[in-house]
N, C-alpha and C. Protein backbone atom coordinates (compact mmCIF):
# COMPACT_ATOMS: atom_id res chain seq x y z
N MET A 1 120.51 145.73 55.20
CA MET A 1 121.60 145.41 54.00
C MET A 1 121.08 145.58 52.79
N LEU A 2 120.21 145.39 52.53
CA LEU A 2 119.57 145.68 50.82
C LEU A 2 118.93 146.90 51.14
N ASP A 3 118.91 148.10 52.07
CA ASP A 3 118.05 148.70 51.92
C ASP A 3 118.06 150.03 50.84
N PHE A 4 118.64 149.58 50.01
CA PHE A 4 118.34 150.44 48.39
C PHE A 4 117.62 149.56 47.74
N ILE A 5 117.16 148.74 48.11
CA ILE A 5 115.95 147.87 47.57
C ILE A 5 114.72 147.85 48.00
N THR A 6 113.66 148.40 47.63
CA THR A 6 112.34 148.20 47.54
C THR A 6 111.47 147.22 47.12
N ILE A 7 110.81 146.32 47.45
CA ILE A 7 109.72 145.44 46.85
C ILE A 7 108.08 146.25 47.42
N ASN A 8 107.48 146.93 46.41
CA ASN A 8 106.42 147.59 46.69
C ASN A 8 105.61 146.60 46.79
N GLU A 9 105.36 145.39 45.99
CA GLU A 9 104.11 144.72 45.80
C GLU A 9 104.57 143.48 44.48
N HIS A 10 104.47 142.39 44.87
CA HIS A 10 104.57 141.20 43.93
C HIS A 10 105.60 141.29 43.08
N SER A 11 105.80 141.87 41.99
CA SER A 11 107.45 142.06 41.40
C SER A 11 107.71 143.38 41.18
N SER A 12 107.30 144.22 41.98
CA SER A 12 107.23 145.63 41.71
C SER A 12 108.22 146.16 42.59
N ILE A 13 109.46 146.45 42.03
CA ILE A 13 110.83 146.83 42.55
C ILE A 13 111.24 148.16 42.14
N ARG A 14 111.83 148.90 43.39
CA ARG A 14 112.76 149.89 43.36
C ARG A 14 113.89 149.87 44.02
N ILE A 15 115.08 150.48 43.07
CA ILE A 15 116.23 150.16 43.53
C ILE A 15 116.85 151.60 43.20
N ASP A 16 117.74 152.05 44.02
CA ASP A 16 118.18 153.42 44.37
C ASP A 16 119.38 153.15 43.98
N GLU A 17 119.89 153.29 42.95
CA GLU A 17 121.57 152.98 42.52
C GLU A 17 121.92 154.53 42.25
N GLY A 18 121.97 155.60 42.83
CA GLY A 18 122.32 156.90 42.34
C GLY A 18 121.00 157.19 41.56
N LYS A 19 120.93 156.64 40.14
CA LYS A 19 119.56 156.79 39.70
C LYS A 19 118.40 155.97 40.06
N ILE A 20 117.24 156.24 40.10
CA ILE A 20 116.22 155.23 40.48
C ILE A 20 115.57 154.38 39.39
N ILE A 21 116.02 153.19 39.58
CA ILE A 21 115.01 151.99 38.65
C ILE A 21 114.24 151.32 39.31
N TYR A 22 113.21 151.23 38.44
CA TYR A 22 112.12 150.68 38.77
C TYR A 22 112.47 149.49 37.53
N SER A 23 111.76 148.39 38.23
CA SER A 23 111.29 147.06 37.62
C SER A 23 109.89 146.68 37.56
N ASP A 24 109.24 146.54 36.63
CA ASP A 24 107.43 146.17 36.47
C ASP A 24 107.00 147.08 37.57
N PRO A 25 106.73 148.67 37.88
CA PRO A 25 105.80 148.93 38.65
C PRO A 25 104.57 148.82 38.83
N TYR A 26 103.81 148.37 39.75
CA TYR A 26 102.75 148.01 40.05
C TYR A 26 101.91 148.40 41.63
N ASN A 27 100.65 148.67 41.17
CA ASN A 27 100.10 149.11 42.59
C ASN A 27 100.88 150.01 43.39
N ILE A 28 101.64 151.07 42.69
CA ILE A 28 102.14 152.31 43.50
C ILE A 28 101.40 153.00 44.40
N SER A 29 101.38 153.29 45.24
CA SER A 29 100.97 154.31 45.93
C SER A 29 101.36 155.77 45.98
N GLY A 30 100.61 156.43 45.73
CA GLY A 30 100.55 157.94 45.22
C GLY A 30 101.25 158.50 44.36
N ALA A 31 101.97 159.54 43.78
CA ALA A 31 102.77 159.54 42.66
C ALA A 31 104.30 159.91 42.41
N PRO A 32 105.21 159.21 42.89
CA PRO A 32 106.19 159.87 43.55
C PRO A 32 107.28 159.91 42.05
N GLN A 33 107.01 159.83 40.91
CA GLN A 33 107.40 160.81 39.68
C GLN A 33 109.06 160.75 39.60
N ASP A 34 109.79 159.71 40.29
CA ASP A 34 111.23 159.34 40.38
C ASP A 34 111.83 158.71 39.67
N ALA A 35 111.09 157.93 39.02
CA ALA A 35 112.01 156.89 38.00
C ALA A 35 113.18 157.99 37.12
N ASP A 36 114.02 157.52 36.98
CA ASP A 36 114.98 157.53 36.05
C ASP A 36 115.34 156.24 34.87
N ILE A 37 114.90 155.52 35.42
CA ILE A 37 114.95 154.11 34.32
C ILE A 37 113.78 153.07 34.77
N ILE A 38 113.03 152.80 33.74
CA ILE A 38 111.85 151.29 34.20
C ILE A 38 112.03 150.11 33.43
N LEU A 39 112.50 149.23 34.17
CA LEU A 39 112.48 147.95 33.16
C LEU A 39 111.00 147.30 33.18
N ILE A 40 110.77 146.75 31.99
CA ILE A 40 109.80 146.08 31.75
C ILE A 40 110.05 144.91 31.74
N THR A 41 109.57 143.35 32.23
CA THR A 41 109.97 142.52 31.97
C THR A 41 109.29 141.70 30.69
N HIS A 42 107.68 141.97 30.82
CA HIS A 42 106.83 141.54 30.02
C HIS A 42 105.50 142.09 30.00
N SER A 43 104.89 141.74 29.41
CA SER A 43 103.38 142.49 29.05
C SER A 43 102.31 142.13 29.69
N HIS A 44 102.56 141.12 30.74
CA HIS A 44 101.12 140.85 30.94
C HIS A 44 101.04 141.93 32.20
N PHE A 45 99.55 142.06 32.73
CA PHE A 45 99.39 143.07 33.53
C PHE A 45 99.83 143.48 34.85
N ASP A 46 100.41 142.32 35.16
CA ASP A 46 101.26 142.87 36.62
C ASP A 46 102.44 143.07 36.51
N HIS A 47 102.84 143.46 35.04
CA HIS A 47 104.28 143.97 35.22
C HIS A 47 104.04 144.76 33.94
N TYR A 48 103.50 145.15 33.02
CA TYR A 48 103.21 146.34 32.32
C TYR A 48 101.97 146.82 32.57
N SER A 49 101.94 147.90 33.48
CA SER A 49 100.89 148.45 33.66
C SER A 49 100.95 149.86 33.49
N PRO A 50 100.29 150.68 32.33
CA PRO A 50 100.75 151.97 32.40
C PRO A 50 100.16 152.85 33.32
N ASP A 51 98.96 152.72 34.22
CA ASP A 51 98.77 153.63 34.93
C ASP A 51 99.87 153.56 36.07
N ASP A 52 100.30 152.79 36.52
CA ASP A 52 101.72 152.92 37.67
C ASP A 52 102.27 153.20 36.71
N ILE A 53 103.08 153.36 35.73
CA ILE A 53 104.44 154.13 35.00
C ILE A 53 104.29 155.24 35.13
N ARG A 54 103.06 155.79 34.92
CA ARG A 54 102.43 157.21 35.02
C ARG A 54 103.03 157.76 36.21
N ARG A 55 102.49 156.88 37.30
CA ARG A 55 102.62 157.42 38.61
C ARG A 55 104.26 157.47 39.16
N VAL A 56 105.02 156.96 38.34
CA VAL A 56 106.40 156.93 38.70
C VAL A 56 107.13 157.83 37.81
N MET A 57 106.69 157.99 36.54
CA MET A 57 107.56 158.39 35.39
C MET A 57 107.69 159.77 35.44
N LYS A 58 108.69 160.45 34.77
CA LYS A 58 109.27 161.70 34.75
C LYS A 58 109.35 161.88 33.33
N SER A 59 109.40 163.41 33.06
CA SER A 59 109.46 163.56 31.32
C SER A 59 110.71 163.05 30.52
N ASP A 60 111.72 162.89 31.34
CA ASP A 60 112.93 162.03 30.88
C ASP A 60 113.24 160.57 31.09
N THR A 61 112.40 160.04 31.86
CA THR A 61 112.57 158.46 32.03
C THR A 61 112.62 157.86 30.89
N VAL A 62 113.03 156.63 30.86
CA VAL A 62 114.12 155.95 29.73
C VAL A 62 113.28 154.87 30.36
N ILE A 63 112.63 153.65 29.42
CA ILE A 63 111.79 152.47 29.62
C ILE A 63 112.59 151.57 28.77
N VAL A 64 112.95 150.45 29.40
CA VAL A 64 113.45 149.25 28.67
C VAL A 64 112.81 148.19 28.69
N CYS A 65 112.29 147.48 27.36
CA CYS A 65 111.62 146.53 27.51
C CYS A 65 112.24 145.57 26.53
N PRO A 66 111.61 144.04 26.48
CA PRO A 66 111.49 143.16 25.54
C PRO A 66 111.42 143.80 23.60
N SER A 67 112.27 143.21 23.02
CA SER A 67 111.85 143.90 21.85
C SER A 67 110.76 143.45 21.05
N SER A 68 110.17 142.44 21.51
CA SER A 68 108.99 141.86 21.33
C SER A 68 107.64 142.92 21.54
N MET A 69 108.07 143.74 22.60
CA MET A 69 107.05 144.43 23.41
C MET A 69 106.91 146.04 22.21
N THR A 70 105.71 146.53 21.98
CA THR A 70 105.55 148.09 21.67
C THR A 70 104.89 148.73 22.54
N GLU A 71 104.15 148.03 23.12
CA GLU A 71 102.93 149.18 24.07
C GLU A 71 103.76 150.40 24.85
N PRO A 72 105.05 150.02 25.32
CA PRO A 72 105.33 151.20 26.22
C PRO A 72 105.62 152.64 25.69
N GLN A 73 105.85 152.49 23.80
CA GLN A 73 105.50 153.38 23.15
C GLN A 73 104.47 154.66 23.06
N GLU A 74 103.22 154.13 23.61
CA GLU A 74 102.10 154.65 23.93
C GLU A 74 102.35 155.92 24.91
N LEU A 75 103.34 155.84 25.94
CA LEU A 75 103.53 156.57 26.92
C LEU A 75 104.33 157.81 26.45
N GLY A 76 105.00 158.22 25.69
CA GLY A 76 105.91 158.99 25.21
C GLY A 76 106.89 159.38 25.38
N LEU A 77 107.53 158.29 26.01
CA LEU A 77 109.00 158.39 26.76
C LEU A 77 110.10 157.86 25.42
N THR A 78 111.16 157.84 25.93
CA THR A 78 112.32 157.06 25.40
C THR A 78 112.04 155.64 25.72
N VAL A 79 112.19 154.80 24.80
CA VAL A 79 111.98 153.33 25.07
C VAL A 79 112.89 152.91 24.29
N LYS A 80 113.86 151.81 25.07
CA LYS A 80 114.85 151.24 24.53
C LYS A 80 114.32 149.47 24.65
N GLN A 81 114.61 148.91 23.08
CA GLN A 81 113.83 147.57 23.40
C GLN A 81 115.38 146.71 23.23
N VAL A 82 115.28 145.73 24.08
CA VAL A 82 116.74 144.92 24.09
C VAL A 82 115.99 143.28 23.92
N ASN A 83 117.20 142.36 23.41
CA ASN A 83 116.94 140.93 23.41
C ASN A 83 117.48 140.46 24.28
N ALA A 84 117.18 139.57 24.84
CA ALA A 84 118.57 138.63 25.29
C ALA A 84 119.66 138.30 25.57
N GLY A 85 120.72 138.82 26.05
CA GLY A 85 121.79 138.55 25.78
C GLY A 85 122.35 139.92 25.39
N LYS A 86 121.44 140.61 25.41
CA LYS A 86 122.11 142.28 25.28
C LYS A 86 122.84 142.74 26.45
N SER A 87 124.09 143.54 26.26
CA SER A 87 124.68 144.29 27.40
C SER A 87 124.01 145.55 26.73
N PHE A 88 123.54 146.72 27.58
CA PHE A 88 123.77 147.94 26.92
C PHE A 88 123.79 148.99 28.40
N GLU A 89 123.34 150.14 28.20
CA GLU A 89 124.25 151.04 29.21
C GLU A 89 122.94 152.10 28.98
N VAL A 90 122.10 152.55 30.32
CA VAL A 90 121.28 153.73 30.04
C VAL A 90 121.42 154.73 31.42
N SER A 91 121.67 156.08 31.26
CA SER A 91 122.11 156.70 32.29
C SER A 91 123.10 156.61 32.89
N GLY A 92 124.37 156.00 32.22
CA GLY A 92 125.31 155.75 32.96
C GLY A 92 125.56 154.56 33.90
N ILE A 93 124.50 153.04 34.04
CA ILE A 93 124.32 152.80 34.43
C ILE A 93 124.20 151.32 33.12
N LYS A 94 124.97 150.30 33.91
CA LYS A 94 125.00 148.77 33.12
C LYS A 94 124.14 147.98 33.13
N PHE A 95 123.50 147.49 31.88
CA PHE A 95 122.60 146.17 32.46
C PHE A 95 123.16 145.09 31.30
N GLU A 96 122.28 143.93 31.77
CA GLU A 96 122.34 143.07 31.12
C GLU A 96 121.05 142.12 30.71
N ALA A 97 120.29 141.87 29.63
CA ALA A 97 119.26 141.47 29.38
C ALA A 97 119.32 139.66 29.49
N VAL A 98 118.36 138.98 30.07
CA VAL A 98 118.37 137.80 30.34
C VAL A 98 117.04 136.91 29.96
N PRO A 99 116.89 135.85 29.57
CA PRO A 99 115.77 135.25 29.08
C PRO A 99 115.24 135.12 30.35
N ALA A 100 114.01 134.83 30.49
CA ALA A 100 113.22 134.82 31.61
C ALA A 100 111.47 133.98 30.54
N TYR A 101 111.70 132.33 30.97
CA TYR A 101 110.43 131.75 30.56
C TYR A 101 110.12 130.61 31.30
N ASN A 102 108.74 129.70 30.79
CA ASN A 102 108.53 128.72 31.72
C ASN A 102 109.02 127.75 30.79
N ILE A 103 109.30 126.64 31.58
CA ILE A 103 109.31 124.87 31.12
C ILE A 103 107.97 124.40 31.39
N GLY A 104 107.47 123.76 30.46
CA GLY A 104 106.14 122.75 30.87
C GLY A 104 105.20 123.91 31.36
N LYS A 105 105.02 125.11 31.48
CA LYS A 105 103.73 125.93 31.07
C LYS A 105 103.72 126.83 30.39
N PRO A 106 102.16 127.17 30.11
CA PRO A 106 101.95 127.72 28.84
C PRO A 106 102.58 129.56 29.13
N PHE A 107 102.61 129.95 30.19
CA PHE A 107 102.34 131.41 30.69
C PHE A 107 103.45 132.47 30.07
N HIS A 108 104.63 131.65 29.76
CA HIS A 108 105.53 132.65 29.47
C HIS A 108 106.73 131.62 28.43
N PRO A 109 106.36 131.60 27.30
CA PRO A 109 106.89 131.06 26.25
C PRO A 109 108.52 131.73 25.86
N LYS A 110 109.62 130.88 26.01
CA LYS A 110 110.66 131.42 25.43
C LYS A 110 110.50 132.01 24.12
N SER A 111 109.96 131.82 23.26
CA SER A 111 109.38 132.20 22.09
C SER A 111 109.51 134.05 22.15
N ASN A 112 108.46 133.98 23.29
CA ASN A 112 108.08 135.56 23.52
C ASN A 112 109.43 136.48 23.45
N GLY A 113 110.60 135.86 23.92
CA GLY A 113 111.48 136.78 24.08
C GLY A 113 111.47 137.62 25.45
N TRP A 114 110.58 137.57 26.31
CA TRP A 114 110.61 138.09 27.47
C TRP A 114 111.80 138.09 28.37
N LEU A 115 111.92 138.72 29.57
CA LEU A 115 113.35 139.34 29.86
C LEU A 115 113.25 139.04 31.65
N GLY A 116 114.86 138.84 31.78
CA GLY A 116 114.79 139.39 33.23
C GLY A 116 115.93 140.39 32.97
N TYR A 117 116.68 140.63 34.07
CA TYR A 117 117.78 141.95 34.23
C TYR A 117 118.66 141.60 34.69
N ILE A 118 119.87 142.09 34.76
CA ILE A 118 121.26 142.12 35.41
C ILE A 118 121.66 143.72 35.60
N ILE A 119 121.51 144.34 36.49
CA ILE A 119 122.15 145.67 36.78
C ILE A 119 123.70 145.32 37.01
N ASP A 120 124.59 146.05 36.59
CA ASP A 120 126.03 146.17 37.00
C ASP A 120 125.79 147.11 37.94
N SER A 121 126.30 147.09 39.29
CA SER A 121 126.45 148.29 39.97
C SER A 121 127.52 147.99 40.74
N PRO A 122 128.24 149.27 40.67
CA PRO A 122 130.10 149.34 40.68
C PRO A 122 129.87 149.47 42.48
N GLU A 123 128.86 149.55 43.33
CA GLU A 123 128.73 149.65 44.27
C GLU A 123 128.16 148.63 45.35
N HIS A 124 127.10 147.78 44.31
CA HIS A 124 126.44 146.86 45.23
C HIS A 124 126.54 145.65 44.45
N GLY A 125 127.43 145.37 43.15
CA GLY A 125 127.58 144.22 42.76
C GLY A 125 126.72 143.89 41.54
N ARG A 126 126.39 142.41 41.13
CA ARG A 126 125.58 142.58 40.02
C ARG A 126 124.17 142.18 40.32
N ILE A 127 123.29 142.58 40.27
CA ILE A 127 121.97 142.42 40.74
C ILE A 127 120.87 141.95 40.02
N TYR A 128 120.49 140.31 39.84
CA TYR A 128 119.69 139.86 39.01
C TYR A 128 118.68 140.05 39.40
N ILE A 129 117.69 140.71 38.21
CA ILE A 129 116.02 140.64 38.33
C ILE A 129 115.67 139.56 37.36
N ALA A 130 114.97 138.36 37.88
CA ALA A 130 114.81 137.26 37.45
C ALA A 130 113.61 137.48 36.13
N GLY A 131 112.84 137.98 36.60
CA GLY A 131 111.64 138.08 35.49
C GLY A 131 110.75 137.25 36.10
N ASP A 132 109.46 136.74 35.32
CA ASP A 132 108.49 135.82 35.38
C ASP A 132 109.23 134.56 34.76
N THR A 133 110.04 133.39 35.52
CA THR A 133 110.50 132.38 34.71
C THR A 133 110.79 131.29 35.68
N ASP A 134 110.70 130.23 35.30
CA ASP A 134 111.07 128.89 36.12
C ASP A 134 112.59 128.58 36.05
N VAL A 135 113.11 127.92 36.75
CA VAL A 135 114.55 127.12 36.66
C VAL A 135 114.77 126.88 35.19
N THR A 136 115.68 127.20 34.36
CA THR A 136 115.90 127.18 33.25
C THR A 136 117.33 126.84 33.05
N PRO A 137 117.70 126.04 31.70
CA PRO A 137 118.86 125.90 31.55
C PRO A 137 120.09 127.44 31.35
N ASP A 138 119.19 128.31 31.05
CA ASP A 138 119.64 129.80 31.13
C ASP A 138 120.18 130.34 32.58
N ASN A 139 119.13 130.54 33.25
CA ASN A 139 119.51 131.12 34.46
C ASN A 139 120.19 130.30 35.65
N LYS A 140 120.46 128.74 35.36
CA LYS A 140 121.24 128.32 36.22
C LYS A 140 122.65 128.67 35.70
N HIS A 141 123.12 129.69 35.12
CA HIS A 141 124.39 130.17 34.45
C HIS A 141 124.30 131.75 35.24
N ILE A 142 123.32 132.22 35.58
CA ILE A 142 123.56 133.52 36.10
C ILE A 142 124.37 133.67 36.94
N LYS A 143 125.42 134.60 36.76
CA LYS A 143 126.51 135.21 37.74
C LYS A 143 125.92 136.65 38.58
N CYS A 144 125.59 136.22 39.82
CA CYS A 144 125.05 137.61 40.31
C CYS A 144 125.20 137.74 41.91
N ASP A 145 125.32 138.92 42.42
CA ASP A 145 125.74 138.95 43.87
C ASP A 145 124.45 139.07 44.63
N ILE A 146 123.45 139.53 44.07
CA ILE A 146 121.93 139.70 45.10
C ILE A 146 120.94 139.16 43.60
N ALA A 147 119.98 138.59 43.79
CA ALA A 147 119.11 137.66 43.24
C ALA A 147 117.56 137.81 43.52
N LEU A 148 116.76 138.68 42.81
CA LEU A 148 115.46 138.32 43.57
C LEU A 148 115.08 138.06 42.42
N VAL A 149 114.20 136.56 42.91
CA VAL A 149 113.68 135.55 42.27
C VAL A 149 112.12 135.64 42.71
N PRO A 150 111.05 135.34 41.50
CA PRO A 150 109.94 134.62 41.52
C PRO A 150 109.80 133.46 42.60
N ALA A 151 109.00 133.29 43.30
CA ALA A 151 108.84 132.20 44.36
C ALA A 151 107.14 132.15 44.70
N GLY A 152 106.45 132.56 43.69
CA GLY A 152 105.06 132.37 44.05
C GLY A 152 104.35 130.78 43.58
N GLY A 153 105.01 129.99 42.55
CA GLY A 153 104.64 128.87 41.81
C GLY A 153 103.43 129.94 40.70
N LYS A 154 102.92 128.40 40.44
CA LYS A 154 101.64 128.46 39.06
C LYS A 154 102.55 129.48 37.79
N PHE A 155 102.43 130.18 38.05
CA PHE A 155 102.85 131.11 36.85
C PHE A 155 104.72 131.14 36.48
N THR A 156 105.35 130.82 37.80
CA THR A 156 107.05 130.92 37.90
C THR A 156 107.26 129.57 38.54
N ALA A 157 108.47 129.49 39.04
CA ALA A 157 109.10 128.85 40.01
C ALA A 157 108.17 128.95 41.37
N ASP A 158 108.44 128.10 42.16
CA ASP A 158 107.53 128.13 43.38
C ASP A 158 108.81 128.30 44.41
N ALA A 159 108.12 128.20 45.40
CA ALA A 159 109.77 128.87 46.40
C ALA A 159 110.42 127.45 46.74
N VAL A 160 110.15 126.22 46.69
CA VAL A 160 111.67 125.41 46.62
C VAL A 160 112.26 125.49 45.53
N GLU A 161 111.79 125.56 44.42
CA GLU A 161 112.36 125.85 42.77
C GLU A 161 113.20 126.80 42.89
N ALA A 162 112.51 127.85 43.64
CA ALA A 162 113.24 129.39 43.25
C ALA A 162 114.84 129.18 44.38
N ALA A 163 114.63 128.51 45.35
CA ALA A 163 115.26 128.30 46.32
C ALA A 163 116.63 127.47 45.76
N GLY A 164 116.02 126.08 44.99
CA GLY A 164 116.81 125.57 44.69
C GLY A 164 117.64 126.08 43.13
N LEU A 165 117.16 127.53 42.34
CA LEU A 165 117.99 128.07 41.57
C LEU A 165 119.09 129.21 42.26
N VAL A 166 118.51 129.33 43.66
CA VAL A 166 119.66 130.54 44.41
C VAL A 166 120.71 129.31 44.77
N ASN A 167 120.03 128.39 45.43
CA ASN A 167 121.54 127.49 45.99
C ASN A 167 122.42 126.89 44.91
N THR A 168 122.19 127.24 43.55
CA THR A 168 123.31 126.52 42.22
C THR A 168 123.73 127.81 42.05
N ILE A 169 123.38 128.88 42.02
CA ILE A 169 124.45 130.20 41.11
C ILE A 169 124.72 130.99 42.05
N ARG A 170 124.36 130.66 43.17
CA ARG A 170 125.20 130.90 44.99
C ARG A 170 125.06 132.73 44.90
N PRO A 171 124.53 133.91 44.92
CA PRO A 171 124.70 134.70 45.30
C PRO A 171 124.91 135.27 46.73
N ARG A 172 125.74 136.21 47.07
CA ARG A 172 125.63 136.78 48.41
C ARG A 172 123.94 136.94 49.10
N TYR A 173 123.45 137.94 48.53
CA TYR A 173 122.31 138.00 49.55
C TYR A 173 120.95 137.58 47.88
N THR A 174 119.86 136.91 48.46
CA THR A 174 118.47 137.22 47.67
C THR A 174 117.24 137.24 48.28
N VAL A 175 116.28 137.84 47.12
CA VAL A 175 115.08 138.23 48.00
C VAL A 175 114.12 137.66 47.02
N PRO A 176 113.27 137.03 47.83
CA PRO A 176 111.92 136.55 47.09
C PRO A 176 111.05 137.31 46.54
N ILE A 177 110.33 137.48 45.21
CA ILE A 177 109.30 138.10 44.79
C ILE A 177 108.09 137.51 44.25
N HIS A 178 107.61 138.18 43.80
CA HIS A 178 105.94 137.54 42.78
C HIS A 178 105.19 136.52 43.63
N TYR A 179 104.93 136.59 44.78
CA TYR A 179 104.49 135.75 45.65
C TYR A 179 103.21 136.99 46.73
N GLY A 180 102.31 136.27 47.20
CA GLY A 180 101.39 136.77 47.58
C GLY A 180 100.38 137.64 47.64
N THR A 181 99.95 138.01 46.82
CA THR A 181 98.82 138.74 45.94
C THR A 181 98.42 138.24 44.21
N VAL A 182 99.09 138.49 43.70
CA VAL A 182 98.74 137.63 42.11
C VAL A 182 98.57 136.51 41.85
N ALA A 183 99.77 136.02 42.73
CA ALA A 183 100.10 134.44 42.81
C ALA A 183 100.86 134.17 44.23
N GLY A 184 100.53 133.00 44.41
CA GLY A 184 101.30 132.41 45.90
C GLY A 184 100.70 132.89 46.99
N ALA A 185 101.59 132.26 48.00
CA ALA A 185 100.79 132.70 49.44
C ALA A 185 101.66 133.71 50.47
N PRO A 186 101.18 134.35 51.20
CA PRO A 186 102.20 135.52 51.77
C PRO A 186 103.28 134.16 52.21
N SER A 187 102.94 133.25 53.03
CA SER A 187 103.69 132.32 53.86
C SER A 187 105.27 131.80 52.90
N ASP A 188 104.87 131.97 51.33
CA ASP A 188 106.19 131.87 50.31
C ASP A 188 107.45 132.16 50.56
N GLY A 189 107.34 133.60 51.20
CA GLY A 189 108.54 134.14 51.79
C GLY A 189 109.79 132.80 52.83
N GLU A 190 108.77 132.94 53.77
CA GLU A 190 109.68 131.75 54.82
C GLU A 190 109.93 130.80 54.06
N ARG A 191 109.01 129.94 53.32
CA ARG A 191 109.58 128.90 52.74
C ARG A 191 110.53 128.80 51.87
N PHE A 192 110.67 130.05 51.25
CA PHE A 192 111.83 129.88 50.19
C PHE A 192 113.20 129.93 51.36
N ARG A 193 113.00 131.11 52.33
CA ARG A 193 113.87 131.43 53.08
C ARG A 193 114.64 129.98 53.73
N LYS A 194 113.79 129.23 54.01
CA LYS A 194 114.14 127.65 54.91
C LYS A 194 114.75 126.51 53.77
N ALA A 195 114.35 127.00 52.83
CA ALA A 195 115.05 126.34 51.35
C ALA A 195 116.40 126.59 50.89
N VAL A 196 116.54 127.81 51.40
CA VAL A 196 118.08 128.17 50.76
C VAL A 196 119.17 127.94 51.53
N ASP A 197 120.49 127.37 51.11
CA ASP A 197 121.46 127.07 51.81
C ASP A 197 121.84 128.41 52.57
N SER A 198 122.69 127.80 54.35
CA SER A 198 123.25 128.73 54.70
C SER A 198 124.27 129.33 54.21
N GLY A 199 124.60 130.57 54.24
CA GLY A 199 125.73 130.92 53.92
C GLY A 199 125.32 132.09 52.68
N ILE A 200 123.87 131.81 52.47
CA ILE A 200 123.05 133.03 51.58
C ILE A 200 122.11 133.61 52.61
N GLU A 201 122.70 134.99 52.35
CA GLU A 201 121.78 135.67 53.07
C GLU A 201 120.25 136.14 52.55
N VAL A 202 119.05 135.44 53.07
CA VAL A 202 117.67 135.75 52.72
C VAL A 202 117.26 137.15 53.07
N GLU A 203 116.23 137.90 52.55
CA GLU A 203 116.12 139.16 53.31
C GLU A 203 114.48 139.22 52.33
N ILE A 204 113.79 139.35 53.52
CA ILE A 204 112.03 139.15 53.18
C ILE A 204 111.64 140.50 52.96
N LYS A 205 111.09 141.03 51.70
CA LYS A 205 110.54 142.27 51.76
C LYS A 205 109.22 142.53 51.58
N LEU A 206 108.37 141.47 51.07
CA LEU A 206 106.97 141.52 50.84
C LEU A 206 106.06 141.03 52.28
């Protein structure tokens, strides 16, 4: 069903929307150099990895990142800096930037302005890439058809909390991410699946 979405590892996502979109490329095998757009959610090593970006980027790749990040400028590509609440377009594809942050944890302060993204796809609907986040007052109001949400705990929502977010926002499909390597256990995907309401299709890709 969601064959156009690949989860490489952790939160490393590749989406084929006619244009190839990566979010937070990490531990990329080989050098596909096929990225039209790269979304960066924040500056932690497992989300902003210059070496992995170089493996997927082309000379005309556009990088999108939070306005608080200047690091991607070192790569010599076009860099679009955005803030939460911003709608924008890159290479004919429409996006929204949304807040991603922790509540009661120090890892991802809201004040850093770090992000998740929504891809507004004419073919697949609204695809929500949550970024590193807990369940927050902001993301409880996300409207989407597909939700890719962190489920590994410690730095983000855990599997049950992530399922609770999905049960609140009611996408048609959901994919758990951000578990099994840097954070969380390989079993978190199934924990997430069991906690998601029937009627919401869960696809495990890690």
